[in-house]
Amino acid sequence: MPISREEKGALVDGYVARLQRCQAVLVTEYRGLTVKQLQDLRRELRAANCELLVAKNTLMGRALTQMGMPAPDMLFKGPTAVGFCYKDLAAPAKALAKWSKDTKILVVKGGLIGRSAFGEQGVQQLGELPGREQLIGQVVGVMQAPLSGIVNVLAGTLRGLVNVLNARSEQLEKQQGQSPA
């Protein structure tokens, strides 16, 4: 049964809304996956802040064009499932690469970041990047290193002062102990 013009417009609007919120789009061909496998893949991607939708190629192309993004034909042929990555880019790319490798059915076609399109190789490279949490940890570590150095320098100076005062105090106590009463 064909989709009415209004329904097509609503689908395009939904794609545009998702494109406005997402940081990247990952495109796969899901032909051959069972419904159970597709549900499991969606659940795993949802945990990584990525929403997987089965998309109509022409309508997705319209939404991308409306957003000023490229809509490469190589990505939008055949049965297409589109992953909208909202936060972390590496985790969904890793999950898709793993699913592709494990099932030998799911085909990762490529994706889009901003106005740049990339193929399957680009998705694999995204999957090799450290995750968001790991990157945040690295940044905090880099920022913390100079601060801990300053704290150690200041603490060393204070430690030295305390040692000098303790030594002088002991010296004065010895002098008082030696003087006749």
C-alpha atoms as a PDB file:
ATOM      1  CA  MET A   1       0.000   0.000   0.000  1.00  0.00           C
ATOM      2  CA  PRO A   2       1.534   3.328  -1.058  1.00  0.00           C
ATOM      3  CA  ILE A   3       2.331   6.043   1.446  1.00  0.00           C
ATOM      4  CA  SER A   4       0.353   9.274   1.138  1.00  0.00           C
ATOM      5  CA  ARG A   5       2.029  12.623   0.571  1.00  0.00           C
ATOM      6  CA  GLU A   6       1.223  13.694   4.132  1.00  0.00           C
ATOM      7  CA  GLU A   7       2.825  10.549   5.577  1.00  0.00           C
ATOM      8  CA  LYS A   8       5.923  11.088   3.423  1.00  0.00           C
ATOM      9  CA  GLY A   9       6.139  14.682   4.641  1.00  0.00           C
ATOM     10  CA  ALA A  10       5.838  13.508   8.246  1.00  0.00           C
ATOM     11  CA  LEU A  11       8.617  10.947   7.716  1.00  0.00           C
ATOM     12  CA  VAL A  12      10.896  13.585   6.160  1.00  0.00           C
ATOM     13  CA  ASP A  13      10.149  15.958   9.055  1.00  0.00           C
ATOM     14  CA  GLY A  14      11.006  13.186  11.531  1.00  0.00           C
ATOM     15  CA  TYR A  15      14.298  12.500   9.755  1.00  0.00           C
ATOM     16  CA  VAL A  16      15.119  16.238   9.719  1.00  0.00           C
ATOM     17  CA  ALA A  17      14.381  16.532  13.451  1.00  0.00           C
ATOM     18  CA  ARG A  18      16.716  13.619  14.185  1.00  0.00           C
ATOM     19  CA  LEU A  19      19.404  15.027  11.881  1.00  0.00           C
ATOM     20  CA  GLN A  20      19.279  18.350  13.729  1.00  0.00           C
ATOM     21  CA  ARG A  21      19.912  16.605  17.073  1.00  0.00           C
ATOM     22  CA  CYS A  22      22.517  14.059  16.011  1.00  0.00           C
ATOM     23  CA  GLN A  23      26.271  14.412  15.646  1.00  0.00           C
ATOM     24  CA  ALA A  24      26.691  11.673  13.045  1.00  0.00           C
ATOM     25  CA  VAL A  25      24.683   9.334  10.853  1.00  0.00           C
ATOM     26  CA  LEU A  26      25.772   5.729  10.295  1.00  0.00           C
ATOM     27  CA  VAL A  27      24.235   3.862   7.358  1.00  0.00           C
ATOM     28  CA  THR A  28      23.849   0.074   7.160  1.00  0.00           C
ATOM     29  CA  GLU A  29      22.153  -2.499   4.988  1.00  0.00           C
ATOM     30  CA  TYR A  30      20.146  -4.834   7.193  1.00  0.00           C
ATOM     31  CA  ARG A  31      18.992  -7.308   4.502  1.00  0.00           C
ATOM     32  CA  GLY A  32      18.966 -10.814   5.964  1.00  0.00           C
ATOM     33  CA  LEU A  33      18.764  -9.914   9.654  1.00  0.00           C
ATOM     34  CA  THR A  34      15.919 -11.480  11.570  1.00  0.00           C
ATOM     35  CA  VAL A  35      13.497  -9.301  13.504  1.00  0.00           C
ATOM     36  CA  LYS A  36      15.052 -10.572  16.756  1.00  0.00           C
ATOM     37  CA  GLN A  37      18.563  -9.656  15.571  1.00  0.00           C
ATOM     38  CA  LEU A  38      17.376  -6.206  14.506  1.00  0.00           C
ATOM     39  CA  GLN A  39      15.745  -5.675  17.908  1.00  0.00           C
ATOM     40  CA  ASP A  40      18.942  -6.761  19.687  1.00  0.00           C
ATOM     41  CA  LEU A  41      21.016  -4.415  17.519  1.00  0.00           C
ATOM     42  CA  ARG A  42      18.646  -1.523  18.250  1.00  0.00           C
ATOM     43  CA  ARG A  43      18.830  -2.241  21.985  1.00  0.00           C
ATOM     44  CA  GLU A  44      22.641  -2.275  21.917  1.00  0.00           C
ATOM     45  CA  LEU A  45      22.793   0.958  19.901  1.00  0.00           C
ATOM     46  CA  ARG A  46      20.228   2.630  22.173  1.00  0.00           C
ATOM     47  CA  ALA A  47      22.558   1.938  25.109  1.00  0.00           C
ATOM     48  CA  ALA A  48      25.218   3.876  23.156  1.00  0.00           C
ATOM     49  CA  ASN A  49      22.868   6.872  22.556  1.00  0.00           C
ATOM     50  CA  CYS A  50      22.190   5.913  18.953  1.00  0.00           C
ATOM     51  CA  GLU A  51      18.775   5.429  17.381  1.00  0.00           C
ATOM     52  CA  LEU A  52      18.496   2.917  14.521  1.00  0.00           C
ATOM     53  CA  LEU A  53      15.653   3.398  12.042  1.00  0.00           C
ATOM     54  CA  VAL A  54      14.745   1.571   8.881  1.00  0.00           C
ATOM     55  CA  ALA A  55      14.616   4.448   6.408  1.00  0.00           C
ATOM     56  CA  LYS A  56      13.107   5.059   3.009  1.00  0.00           C
ATOM     57  CA  ASN A  57      16.070   5.990   0.813  1.00  0.00           C
ATOM     58  CA  THR A  58      14.384   8.731  -1.230  1.00  0.00           C
ATOM     59  CA  LEU A  59      12.814  10.331   1.839  1.00  0.00           C
ATOM     60  CA  MET A  60      16.105  10.177   3.759  1.00  0.00           C
ATOM     61  CA  GLY A  61      17.768  11.776   0.731  1.00  0.00           C
ATOM     62  CA  ARG A  62      15.211  14.587   0.826  1.00  0.00           C
ATOM     63  CA  ALA A  63      15.815  15.154   4.535  1.00  0.00           C
ATOM     64  CA  LEU A  64      19.574  15.276   4.028  1.00  0.00           C
ATOM     65  CA  THR A  65      19.201  17.707   1.127  1.00  0.00           C
ATOM     66  CA  GLN A  66      16.888  19.848   3.244  1.00  0.00           C
ATOM     67  CA  MET A  67      19.608  19.947   5.940  1.00  0.00           C
ATOM     68  CA  GLY A  68      22.273  20.881   3.374  1.00  0.00           C
ATOM     69  CA  MET A  69      24.062  17.558   3.816  1.00  0.00           C
ATOM     70  CA  PRO A  70      25.230  15.238   1.044  1.00  0.00           C
ATOM     71  CA  ALA A  71      23.125  12.205   0.183  1.00  0.00           C
ATOM     72  CA  PRO A  72      25.573   9.874  -1.603  1.00  0.00           C
ATOM     73  CA  ASP A  73      23.947   7.228  -3.771  1.00  0.00           C
ATOM     74  CA  MET A  74      26.470   4.642  -2.527  1.00  0.00           C
ATOM     75  CA  LEU A  75      24.963   4.881   0.951  1.00  0.00           C
ATOM     76  CA  PHE A  76      21.285   4.904   0.057  1.00  0.00           C
ATOM     77  CA  LYS A  77      20.706   1.846  -2.133  1.00  0.00           C
ATOM     78  CA  GLY A  78      18.889  -1.260  -1.041  1.00  0.00           C
ATOM     79  CA  PRO A  79      17.260  -1.826   2.352  1.00  0.00           C
ATOM     80  CA  THR A  80      18.770   0.844   4.566  1.00  0.00           C
ATOM     81  CA  ALA A  81      18.873   1.249   8.329  1.00  0.00           C
ATOM     82  CA  VAL A  82      20.165   4.588   9.574  1.00  0.00           C
ATOM     83  CA  GLY A  83      21.761   5.090  12.976  1.00  0.00           C
ATOM     84  CA  PHE A  84      21.461   8.604  14.431  1.00  0.00           C
ATOM     85  CA  CYS A  85      24.348   9.068  16.910  1.00  0.00           C
ATOM     86  CA  TYR A  86      23.449  11.668  19.518  1.00  0.00           C
ATOM     87  CA  LYS A  87      26.487  11.742  21.858  1.00  0.00           C
ATOM     88  CA  ASP A  88      29.339   9.310  21.451  1.00  0.00           C
ATOM     89  CA  LEU A  89      30.421   8.431  17.912  1.00  0.00           C
ATOM     90  CA  ALA A  90      32.849   5.645  18.740  1.00  0.00           C
ATOM     91  CA  ALA A  91      30.516   3.338  20.694  1.00  0.00           C
ATOM     92  CA  PRO A  92      27.847   2.977  17.959  1.00  0.00           C
ATOM     93  CA  ALA A  93      30.542   2.542  15.295  1.00  0.00           C
ATOM     94  CA  LYS A  94      32.166  -0.205  17.403  1.00  0.00           C
ATOM     95  CA  ALA A  95      28.806  -1.906  17.925  1.00  0.00           C
ATOM     96  CA  LEU A  96      27.975  -1.859  14.212  1.00  0.00           C
ATOM     97  CA  ALA A  97      31.431  -3.142  13.252  1.00  0.00           C
ATOM     98  CA  LYS A  98      31.090  -5.956  15.807  1.00  0.00           C
ATOM     99  CA  TRP A  99      27.622  -6.881  14.550  1.00  0.00           C
ATOM    100  CA  SER A 100      28.843  -6.837  10.955  1.00  0.00           C
ATOM    101  CA  LYS A 101      31.753  -9.106  11.836  1.00  0.00           C
ATOM    102  CA  ASP A 102      29.714 -11.486  14.018  1.00  0.00           C
ATOM    103  CA  THR A 103      26.635 -11.896  11.812  1.00  0.00           C
ATOM    104  CA  LYS A 104      28.305 -11.619   8.398  1.00  0.00           C
ATOM    105  CA  ILE A 105      24.873 -10.336   7.296  1.00  0.00           C
ATOM    106  CA  LEU A 106      24.796  -6.704   8.428  1.00  0.00           C
ATOM    107  CA  VAL A 107      26.665  -4.488   5.958  1.00  0.00           C
ATOM    108  CA  VAL A 108      28.057  -1.195   7.210  1.00  0.00           C
ATOM    109  CA  LYS A 109      27.923   1.162   4.227  1.00  0.00           C
ATOM    110  CA  GLY A 110      29.322   4.350   5.722  1.00  0.00           C
ATOM    111  CA  GLY A 111      28.070   7.533   7.292  1.00  0.00           C
ATOM    112  CA  LEU A 112      27.925  11.284   7.511  1.00  0.00           C
ATOM    113  CA  ILE A 113      29.421  13.773   9.926  1.00  0.00           C
ATOM    114  CA  GLY A 114      28.359  17.317   9.173  1.00  0.00           C
ATOM    115  CA  ARG A 115      28.783  17.824   5.446  1.00  0.00           C
ATOM    116  CA  SER A 116      31.331  15.024   5.062  1.00  0.00           C
ATOM    117  CA  ALA A 117      30.431  11.551   3.848  1.00  0.00           C
ATOM    118  CA  PHE A 118      32.609   8.492   4.434  1.00  0.00           C
ATOM    119  CA  GLY A 119      32.523   4.808   3.584  1.00  0.00           C
ATOM    120  CA  GLU A 120      32.837   1.621   5.596  1.00  0.00           C
ATOM    121  CA  GLN A 121      36.519   2.347   6.262  1.00  0.00           C
ATOM    122  CA  GLY A 122      35.530   5.606   7.991  1.00  0.00           C
ATOM    123  CA  VAL A 123      33.106   3.780  10.287  1.00  0.00           C
ATOM    124  CA  GLN A 124      35.864   1.331  11.221  1.00  0.00           C
ATOM    125  CA  GLN A 125      38.188   4.252  12.009  1.00  0.00           C
ATOM    126  CA  LEU A 126      35.472   5.833  14.169  1.00  0.00           C
ATOM    127  CA  GLY A 127      35.145   2.537  16.015  1.00  0.00           C
ATOM    128  CA  GLU A 128      38.867   2.577  16.808  1.00  0.00           C
ATOM    129  CA  LEU A 129      38.628   5.960  18.530  1.00  0.00           C
ATOM    130  CA  PRO A 130      38.483   5.970  22.327  1.00  0.00           C
ATOM    131  CA  GLY A 131      35.016   6.391  23.790  1.00  0.00           C
ATOM    132  CA  ARG A 132      33.654   9.647  25.151  1.00  0.00           C
ATOM    133  CA  GLU A 133      34.244   8.681  28.790  1.00  0.00           C
ATOM    134  CA  GLN A 134      37.831   7.666  28.062  1.00  0.00           C
ATOM    135  CA  LEU A 135      38.498  10.950  26.237  1.00  0.00           C
ATOM    136  CA  ILE A 136      37.061  12.929  29.154  1.00  0.00           C
ATOM    137  CA  GLY A 137      39.311  10.975  31.514  1.00  0.00           C
ATOM    138  CA  GLN A 138      42.350  11.769  29.373  1.00  0.00           C
ATOM    139  CA  VAL A 139      41.506  15.478  29.307  1.00  0.00           C
ATOM    140  CA  VAL A 140      41.015  15.555  33.078  1.00  0.00           C
ATOM    141  CA  GLY A 141      44.340  13.760  33.539  1.00  0.00           C
ATOM    142  CA  VAL A 142      46.139  16.267  31.332  1.00  0.00           C
ATOM    143  CA  MET A 143      44.546  19.177  33.180  1.00  0.00           C
ATOM    144  CA  GLN A 144      45.252  17.638  36.576  1.00  0.00           C
ATOM    145  CA  ALA A 145      48.983  17.019  35.973  1.00  0.00           C
ATOM    146  CA  PRO A 146      50.108  20.679  36.197  1.00  0.00           C
ATOM    147  CA  LEU A 147      47.872  21.281  39.210  1.00  0.00           C
ATOM    148  CA  SER A 148      49.276  18.310  41.100  1.00  0.00           C
ATOM    149  CA  GLY A 149      52.780  19.526  40.219  1.00  0.00           C
ATOM    150  CA  ILE A 150      52.008  22.945  41.714  1.00  0.00           C
ATOM    151  CA  VAL A 151      50.556  21.325  44.828  1.00  0.00           C
ATOM    152  CA  ASN A 152      53.689  19.186  45.232  1.00  0.00           C
ATOM    153  CA  VAL A 153      55.970  22.212  44.849  1.00  0.00           C
ATOM    154  CA  LEU A 154      53.982  24.234  47.385  1.00  0.00           C
ATOM    155  CA  ALA A 155      53.764  21.282  49.751  1.00  0.00           C
ATOM    156  CA  GLY A 156      57.514  20.742  49.454  1.00  0.00           C
ATOM    157  CA  THR A 157      58.171  24.348  50.450  1.00  0.00           C
ATOM    158  CA  LEU A 158      55.844  24.044  53.438  1.00  0.00           C
ATOM    159  CA  ARG A 159      57.406  20.712  54.386  1.00  0.00           C
ATOM    160  CA  GLY A 160      60.840  22.353  54.322  1.00  0.00           C
ATOM    161  CA  LEU A 161      59.632  25.205  56.522  1.00  0.00           C
ATOM    162  CA  VAL A 162      58.107  22.770  59.017  1.00  0.00           C
ATOM    163  CA  ASN A 163      61.366  20.751  59.115  1.00  0.00           C
ATOM    164  CA  VAL A 164      63.415  23.925  59.767  1.00  0.00           C
ATOM    165  CA  LEU A 165      61.032  25.009  62.547  1.00  0.00           C
ATOM    166  CA  ASN A 166      61.138  21.531  64.135  1.00  0.00           C
ATOM    167  CA  ALA A 167      64.928  21.483  63.997  1.00  0.00           C
ATOM    168  CA  ARG A 168      65.129  24.960  65.604  1.00  0.00           C
ATOM    169  CA  SER A 169      62.632  23.910  68.270  1.00  0.00           C
ATOM    170  CA  GLU A 170      64.714  20.835  69.123  1.00  0.00           C
ATOM    171  CA  GLN A 171      67.843  22.978  69.155  1.00  0.00           C
ATOM    172  CA  LEU A 172      66.256  25.431  71.601  1.00  0.00           C
ATOM    173  CA  GLU A 173      65.053  22.560  73.829  1.00  0.00           C
ATOM    174  CA  LYS A 174      68.596  21.138  73.965  1.00  0.00           C
ATOM    175  CA  GLN A 175      69.996  24.549  74.856  1.00  0.00           C
ATOM    176  CA  GLN A 176      67.474  24.954  77.683  1.00  0.00           C
ATOM    177  CA  GLY A 177      68.237  21.434  78.915  1.00  0.00           C
ATOM    178  CA  GLN A 178      71.990  22.211  79.089  1.00  0.00           C
ATOM    179  CA  SER A 179      71.737  25.562  80.908  1.00  0.00           C
ATOM    180  CA  PRO A 180      72.138  25.446  84.767  1.00  0.00           C
ATOM    181  CA  ALA A 181      68.934  25.892  86.692  1.00  0.00           C
END
